C-alpha atoms as a PDB file:
ATOM      1  CA  MET A   1     -13.943 -35.332  22.924  1.00  0.00           C
ATOM      2  CA  LYS A   2     -11.193 -32.962  23.891  1.00  0.00           C
ATOM      3  CA  ASP A   3      -9.171 -31.005  21.338  1.00  0.00           C
ATOM      4  CA  GLU A   4      -6.003 -32.837  22.380  1.00  0.00           C
ATOM      5  CA  GLN A   5      -7.579 -36.227  21.635  1.00  0.00           C
ATOM      6  CA  ALA A   6      -8.735 -35.114  18.190  1.00  0.00           C
ATOM      7  CA  ILE A   7      -5.242 -33.826  17.417  1.00  0.00           C
ATOM      8  CA  GLN A   8      -3.554 -37.001  18.712  1.00  0.00           C
ATOM      9  CA  ASP A   9      -5.896 -39.192  16.652  1.00  0.00           C
ATOM     10  CA  THR A  10      -5.267 -37.086  13.561  1.00  0.00           C
ATOM     11  CA  GLN A  11      -1.508 -37.166  14.093  1.00  0.00           C
ATOM     12  CA  ALA A  12      -1.623 -40.955  14.477  1.00  0.00           C
ATOM     13  CA  TRP A  13      -3.548 -41.218  11.186  1.00  0.00           C
ATOM     14  CA  LEU A  14      -1.097 -38.847   9.521  1.00  0.00           C
ATOM     15  CA  ASN A  15       1.937 -40.795  10.758  1.00  0.00           C
ATOM     16  CA  LYS A  16       0.628 -44.357  10.351  1.00  0.00           C
ATOM     17  CA  ALA A  17      -1.459 -44.024   7.186  1.00  0.00           C
ATOM     18  CA  VAL A  18      -0.570 -40.899   5.214  1.00  0.00           C
ATOM     19  CA  ILE A  19       3.181 -41.006   5.883  1.00  0.00           C
ATOM     20  CA  GLY A  20       3.527 -44.651   6.940  1.00  0.00           C
ATOM     21  CA  LEU A  21       1.875 -45.960   3.774  1.00  0.00           C
ATOM     22  CA  ASN A  22       3.336 -43.107   1.704  1.00  0.00           C
ATOM     23  CA  LEU A  23      -0.158 -42.055   0.585  1.00  0.00           C
ATOM     24  CA  CYS A  24       1.197 -38.534   0.249  1.00  0.00           C
ATOM     25  CA  PRO A  25       4.915 -38.444  -0.493  1.00  0.00           C
ATOM     26  CA  PHE A  26       4.972 -34.719   0.369  1.00  0.00           C
ATOM     27  CA  ALA A  27       3.594 -35.010   3.909  1.00  0.00           C
ATOM     28  CA  LYS A  28       6.660 -36.279   5.748  1.00  0.00           C
ATOM     29  CA  ALA A  29       8.794 -33.201   5.064  1.00  0.00           C
ATOM     30  CA  VAL A  30       6.334 -30.713   6.585  1.00  0.00           C
ATOM     31  CA  VAL A  31       5.660 -32.975   9.569  1.00  0.00           C
ATOM     32  CA  VAL A  32       9.379 -33.453  10.266  1.00  0.00           C
ATOM     33  CA  LYS A  33       9.943 -29.689   9.968  1.00  0.00           C
ATOM     34  CA  ASN A  34       7.012 -29.062  12.345  1.00  0.00           C
ATOM     35  CA  GLN A  35       5.275 -26.893   9.728  1.00  0.00           C
ATOM     36  CA  VAL A  36       1.781 -28.324  10.284  1.00  0.00           C
ATOM     37  CA  ARG A  37      -0.798 -26.446  12.327  1.00  0.00           C
ATOM     38  CA  TYR A  38      -3.542 -28.526  13.973  1.00  0.00           C
ATOM     39  CA  VAL A  39      -6.743 -26.668  14.829  1.00  0.00           C
ATOM     40  CA  VAL A  40      -9.919 -28.190  16.248  1.00  0.00           C
ATOM     41  CA  CYS A  41     -13.435 -26.819  15.899  1.00  0.00           C
ATOM     42  CA  GLN A  42     -15.736 -28.712  18.246  1.00  0.00           C
ATOM     43  CA  HIS A  43     -18.868 -26.920  17.090  1.00  0.00           C
ATOM     44  CA  PRO A  44     -21.287 -29.094  15.069  1.00  0.00           C
ATOM     45  CA  ASP A  45     -22.699 -26.088  13.221  1.00  0.00           C
ATOM     46  CA  PRO A  46     -21.280 -25.741   9.689  1.00  0.00           C
ATOM     47  CA  GLU A  47     -21.423 -21.924   9.980  1.00  0.00           C
ATOM     48  CA  ALA A  48     -19.095 -22.021  12.988  1.00  0.00           C
ATOM     49  CA  VAL A  49     -16.670 -24.223  11.069  1.00  0.00           C
ATOM     50  CA  LEU A  50     -16.820 -21.831   8.105  1.00  0.00           C
ATOM     51  CA  GLN A  51     -15.939 -18.923  10.408  1.00  0.00           C
ATOM     52  CA  MET A  52     -12.954 -20.836  11.746  1.00  0.00           C
ATOM     53  CA  LEU A  53     -12.015 -21.851   8.193  1.00  0.00           C
ATOM     54  CA  GLN A  54     -12.001 -18.204   7.162  1.00  0.00           C
ATOM     55  CA  ALA A  55      -9.719 -17.288  10.069  1.00  0.00           C
ATOM     56  CA  GLU A  56      -7.390 -20.239   9.410  1.00  0.00           C
ATOM     57  CA  LEU A  57      -7.141 -19.543   5.677  1.00  0.00           C
ATOM     58  CA  GLN A  58      -6.138 -15.961   6.454  1.00  0.00           C
ATOM     59  CA  HIS A  59      -3.724 -17.119   9.167  1.00  0.00           C
ATOM     60  CA  LEU A  60      -2.016 -19.508   6.750  1.00  0.00           C
ATOM     61  CA  ALA A  61      -1.883 -16.913   3.967  1.00  0.00           C
ATOM     62  CA  ASP A  62      -0.261 -14.392   6.335  1.00  0.00           C
ATOM     63  CA  ALA A  63       2.210 -16.838   7.904  1.00  0.00           C
ATOM     64  CA  ASP A  64       5.804 -17.328   6.847  1.00  0.00           C
ATOM     65  CA  PRO A  65       5.881 -20.499   4.675  1.00  0.00           C
ATOM     66  CA  GLU A  66       9.153 -21.530   6.302  1.00  0.00           C
ATOM     67  CA  THR A  67       7.365 -21.656   9.657  1.00  0.00           C
ATOM     68  CA  LEU A  68       3.868 -22.764   8.682  1.00  0.00           C
ATOM     69  CA  ASP A  69       3.222 -24.663   5.462  1.00  0.00           C
ATOM     70  CA  THR A  70      -0.140 -26.308   6.004  1.00  0.00           C
ATOM     71  CA  THR A  71      -3.091 -26.462   8.402  1.00  0.00           C
ATOM     72  CA  LEU A  72      -5.378 -29.323   9.366  1.00  0.00           C
ATOM     73  CA  LEU A  73      -8.738 -28.020  10.563  1.00  0.00           C
ATOM     74  CA  ILE A  74     -10.297 -30.942  12.439  1.00  0.00           C
ATOM     75  CA  ALA A  75     -14.049 -30.838  13.069  1.00  0.00           C
ATOM     76  CA  PRO A  76     -14.977 -33.957  15.098  1.00  0.00           C
ATOM     77  CA  ASN A  77     -18.661 -33.039  15.453  1.00  0.00           C
ATOM     78  CA  LEU A  78     -19.304 -31.758  11.939  1.00  0.00           C
ATOM     79  CA  LEU A  79     -21.610 -33.543   9.495  1.00  0.00           C
ATOM     80  CA  PRO A  80     -21.171 -37.239  10.252  1.00  0.00           C
ATOM     81  CA  GLU A  81     -22.760 -38.203   6.917  1.00  0.00           C
ATOM     82  CA  PHE A  82     -20.315 -37.925   4.051  1.00  0.00           C
ATOM     83  CA  LEU A  83     -22.807 -36.636   1.474  1.00  0.00           C
ATOM     84  CA  ASP A  84     -23.687 -33.734   3.775  1.00  0.00           C
ATOM     85  CA  PHE A  85     -19.984 -33.019   4.277  1.00  0.00           C
ATOM     86  CA  ASN A  86     -19.400 -33.226   0.528  1.00  0.00           C
ATOM     87  CA  GLU A  87     -22.104 -30.577  -0.046  1.00  0.00           C
ATOM     88  CA  PHE A  88     -20.525 -28.418   2.677  1.00  0.00           C
ATOM     89  CA  LEU A  89     -17.321 -28.261   0.624  1.00  0.00           C
ATOM     90  CA  PHE A  90     -19.017 -25.865  -1.819  1.00  0.00           C
ATOM     91  CA  ASP A  91     -19.369 -23.410   1.078  1.00  0.00           C
ATOM     92  CA  CYS A  92     -15.709 -23.947   1.954  1.00  0.00           C
ATOM     93  CA  ASP A  93     -14.681 -23.067  -1.599  1.00  0.00           C
ATOM     94  CA  ALA A  94     -16.868 -19.960  -1.410  1.00  0.00           C
ATOM     95  CA  VAL A  95     -14.953 -18.841   1.700  1.00  0.00           C
ATOM     96  CA  LEU A  96     -11.645 -19.343  -0.125  1.00  0.00           C
ATOM     97  CA  GLN A  97     -12.941 -17.271  -3.053  1.00  0.00           C
ATOM     98  CA  SER A  98     -14.327 -14.540  -0.788  1.00  0.00           C
ATOM     99  CA  LEU A  99     -10.845 -14.058   0.677  1.00  0.00           C
ATOM    100  CA  ASP A 100      -9.402 -13.850  -2.842  1.00  0.00           C
ATOM    101  CA  LEU A 101      -7.040 -16.717  -1.982  1.00  0.00           C
ATOM    102  CA  GLU A 102      -7.948 -18.996  -4.880  1.00  0.00           C
ATOM    103  CA  GLY A 103      -4.668 -19.888  -6.582  1.00  0.00           C
ATOM    104  CA  VAL A 104      -2.778 -19.106  -3.366  1.00  0.00           C
ATOM    105  CA  LEU A 105      -4.310 -21.749  -1.094  1.00  0.00           C
ATOM    106  CA  GLN A 106      -6.487 -24.788  -1.662  1.00  0.00           C
ATOM    107  CA  ILE A 107      -8.622 -27.015   0.519  1.00  0.00           C
ATOM    108  CA  ALA A 108      -8.382 -30.795   0.504  1.00  0.00           C
ATOM    109  CA  ASP A 109     -10.935 -32.826   2.414  1.00  0.00           C
ATOM    110  CA  PHE A 110     -10.987 -35.985   4.496  1.00  0.00           C
ATOM    111  CA  HIS A 111     -13.861 -37.706   6.261  1.00  0.00           C
ATOM    112  CA  PRO A 112     -14.333 -40.949   8.233  1.00  0.00           C
ATOM    113  CA  ARG A 113     -16.939 -42.094   5.694  1.00  0.00           C
ATOM    114  CA  TYR A 114     -15.316 -40.687   2.562  1.00  0.00           C
ATOM    115  CA  GLN A 115     -16.702 -42.277  -0.577  1.00  0.00           C
ATOM    116  CA  PHE A 116     -15.664 -41.708  -4.167  1.00  0.00           C
ATOM    117  CA  ALA A 117     -18.464 -41.378  -6.712  1.00  0.00           C
ATOM    118  CA  GLY A 118     -19.377 -44.677  -8.324  1.00  0.00           C
ATOM    119  CA  VAL A 119     -17.585 -46.731  -5.660  1.00  0.00           C
ATOM    120  CA  GLU A 120     -19.222 -48.887  -2.978  1.00  0.00           C
ATOM    121  CA  ALA A 121     -19.018 -47.489   0.567  1.00  0.00           C
ATOM    122  CA  ASP A 122     -16.824 -50.352   1.821  1.00  0.00           C
ATOM    123  CA  ASP A 123     -14.406 -50.265  -1.130  1.00  0.00           C
ATOM    124  CA  ILE A 124     -10.857 -50.003   0.185  1.00  0.00           C
ATOM    125  CA  SER A 125     -10.047 -47.196  -2.290  1.00  0.00           C
ATOM    126  CA  ASN A 126     -12.167 -44.826  -0.202  1.00  0.00           C
ATOM    127  CA  PHE A 127      -9.684 -45.178   2.651  1.00  0.00           C
ATOM    128  CA  THR A 128      -7.163 -43.001   0.800  1.00  0.00           C
ATOM    129  CA  ASN A 129      -9.312 -40.064   1.956  1.00  0.00           C
ATOM    130  CA  ARG A 130     -10.616 -41.383   5.265  1.00  0.00           C
ATOM    131  CA  ALA A 131      -9.467 -39.659   8.418  1.00  0.00           C
ATOM    132  CA  PRO A 132     -10.649 -40.161  11.989  1.00  0.00           C
ATOM    133  CA  TYR A 133     -12.755 -36.966  11.789  1.00  0.00           C
ATOM    134  CA  PRO A 134     -14.065 -34.563   9.162  1.00  0.00           C
ATOM    135  CA  THR A 135     -10.951 -32.584   8.287  1.00  0.00           C
ATOM    136  CA  LEU A 136     -10.153 -29.680   6.010  1.00  0.00           C
ATOM    137  CA  HIS A 137      -6.546 -29.613   4.859  1.00  0.00           C
ATOM    138  CA  LEU A 138      -5.409 -26.108   3.943  1.00  0.00           C
ATOM    139  CA  LEU A 139      -2.472 -26.153   1.549  1.00  0.00           C
ATOM    140  CA  ARG A 140      -0.275 -23.593  -0.158  1.00  0.00           C
ATOM    141  CA  GLU A 141      -0.425 -23.787  -3.956  1.00  0.00           C
ATOM    142  CA  ASP A 142       3.301 -22.878  -4.180  1.00  0.00           C
ATOM    143  CA  SER A 143       4.215 -25.796  -1.918  1.00  0.00           C
ATOM    144  CA  ILE A 144       2.136 -28.189  -3.997  1.00  0.00           C
ATOM    145  CA  GLU A 145       3.769 -26.996  -7.217  1.00  0.00           C
ATOM    146  CA  LYS A 146       7.267 -27.414  -5.754  1.00  0.00           C
ATOM    147  CA  ALA A 147       6.463 -30.878  -4.403  1.00  0.00           C
ATOM    148  CA  VAL A 148       4.940 -32.042  -7.679  1.00  0.00           C
ATOM    149  CA  ALA A 149       7.926 -30.705  -9.646  1.00  0.00           C
ATOM    150  CA  ALA A 150      10.272 -32.650  -7.351  1.00  0.00           C
ATOM    151  CA  PHE A 151       8.237 -35.842  -7.595  1.00  0.00           C
ATOM    152  CA  PRO A 152       8.443 -37.277 -11.114  1.00  0.00           C
ATOM    153  CA  ASP A 153       5.322 -39.468 -10.974  1.00  0.00           C
ATOM    154  CA  ALA A 154       2.987 -37.155  -9.065  1.00  0.00           C
ATOM    155  CA  ALA A 155       0.118 -37.882 -11.465  1.00  0.00           C
ATOM    156  CA  ASN A 156       0.299 -41.568 -10.504  1.00  0.00           C
ATOM    157  CA  ILE A 157      -0.008 -41.079  -6.727  1.00  0.00           C
ATOM    158  CA  TYR A 158      -3.755 -41.759  -6.669  1.00  0.00           C
ATOM    159  CA  GLU A 159      -3.428 -45.041  -8.589  1.00  0.00           C
ATOM    160  CA  LYS A 160      -0.454 -46.129  -6.483  1.00  0.00           C
ATOM    161  CA  ASN A 161      -2.408 -45.421  -3.305  1.00  0.00           C
ATOM    162  CA  ILE A 162      -5.314 -47.568  -4.439  1.00  0.00           C
ATOM    163  CA  LEU A 163      -2.945 -50.423  -5.293  1.00  0.00           C
ATOM    164  CA  THR A 164      -1.294 -50.075  -1.871  1.00  0.00           C
ATOM    165  CA  LEU A 165      -4.643 -50.247  -0.087  1.00  0.00           C
ATOM    166  CA  GLN A 166      -5.896 -53.115  -2.244  1.00  0.00           C
ATOM    167  CA  ALA A 167      -2.764 -55.091  -1.382  1.00  0.00           C
ATOM    168  CA  MET A 168      -3.236 -54.530   2.353  1.00  0.00           C
ATOM    169  CA  GLY A 169      -7.038 -54.868   2.342  1.00  0.00           C
ATOM    170  CA  HIS A 170      -9.405 -54.053   5.169  1.00  0.00           C
ATOM    171  CA  GLU A 171      -7.483 -56.300   7.549  1.00  0.00           C
ATOM    172  CA  GLY A 172      -4.265 -54.422   6.881  1.00  0.00           C
ATOM    173  CA  TRP A 173      -5.991 -51.084   7.371  1.00  0.00           C
ATOM    174  CA  ALA A 174      -7.515 -52.314  10.644  1.00  0.00           C
ATOM    175  CA  ALA A 175      -4.047 -53.411  11.759  1.00  0.00           C
ATOM    176  CA  LEU A 176      -2.959 -49.754  11.665  1.00  0.00           C
ATOM    177  CA  ASN A 177      -5.102 -49.478  14.801  1.00  0.00           C
ATOM    178  CA  LEU A 178      -6.409 -46.004  14.006  1.00  0.00           C
ATOM    179  CA  ARG A 179      -9.104 -44.515  16.174  1.00  0.00           C
ATOM    180  CA  LYS A 180     -12.486 -44.263  14.506  1.00  0.00           C
ATOM    181  CA  ALA A 181     -14.678 -41.204  14.902  1.00  0.00           C
ATOM    182  CA  SER A 182     -17.438 -43.392  16.355  1.00  0.00           C
ATOM    183  CA  GLU A 183     -15.257 -44.534  19.282  1.00  0.00           C
END
């Protein structure tokens, strides 16, 4: 897997699913303004990903928000099992804290086998957080606050997303023709 392929697959997911299905009503603006940074870490070792995460968190914190608003750190070879990835997120939060960026930046997570607690693995609701590859989404807290303030029903996004996916079902999701990490 080349970096370019991982980025193309992630961009297709972002455009067809996240923006196309309006799963995140805030995503389109930063994509249109070209304020998203795509970074790939091919290394399967979680420590290598944590090192890159540290560098990318600092890069985002130091960047002009008008130029760079968010970063997607794509790790195609990292922790194929979701529960392992979920545990890894504690280490990611520790990196954020060690840089004293808590409250400035936050990390959202996506995984090809994402599974909410108490939900069956094949439940369509899990697809709200499924991406082609394990991905760490680095976001500015200020940008989130502004977006939420501008969006009157921000608290209802999660429920709306589940209803959207339930209406389209697995067949509808498959019709998006998104690359799977196993391909």
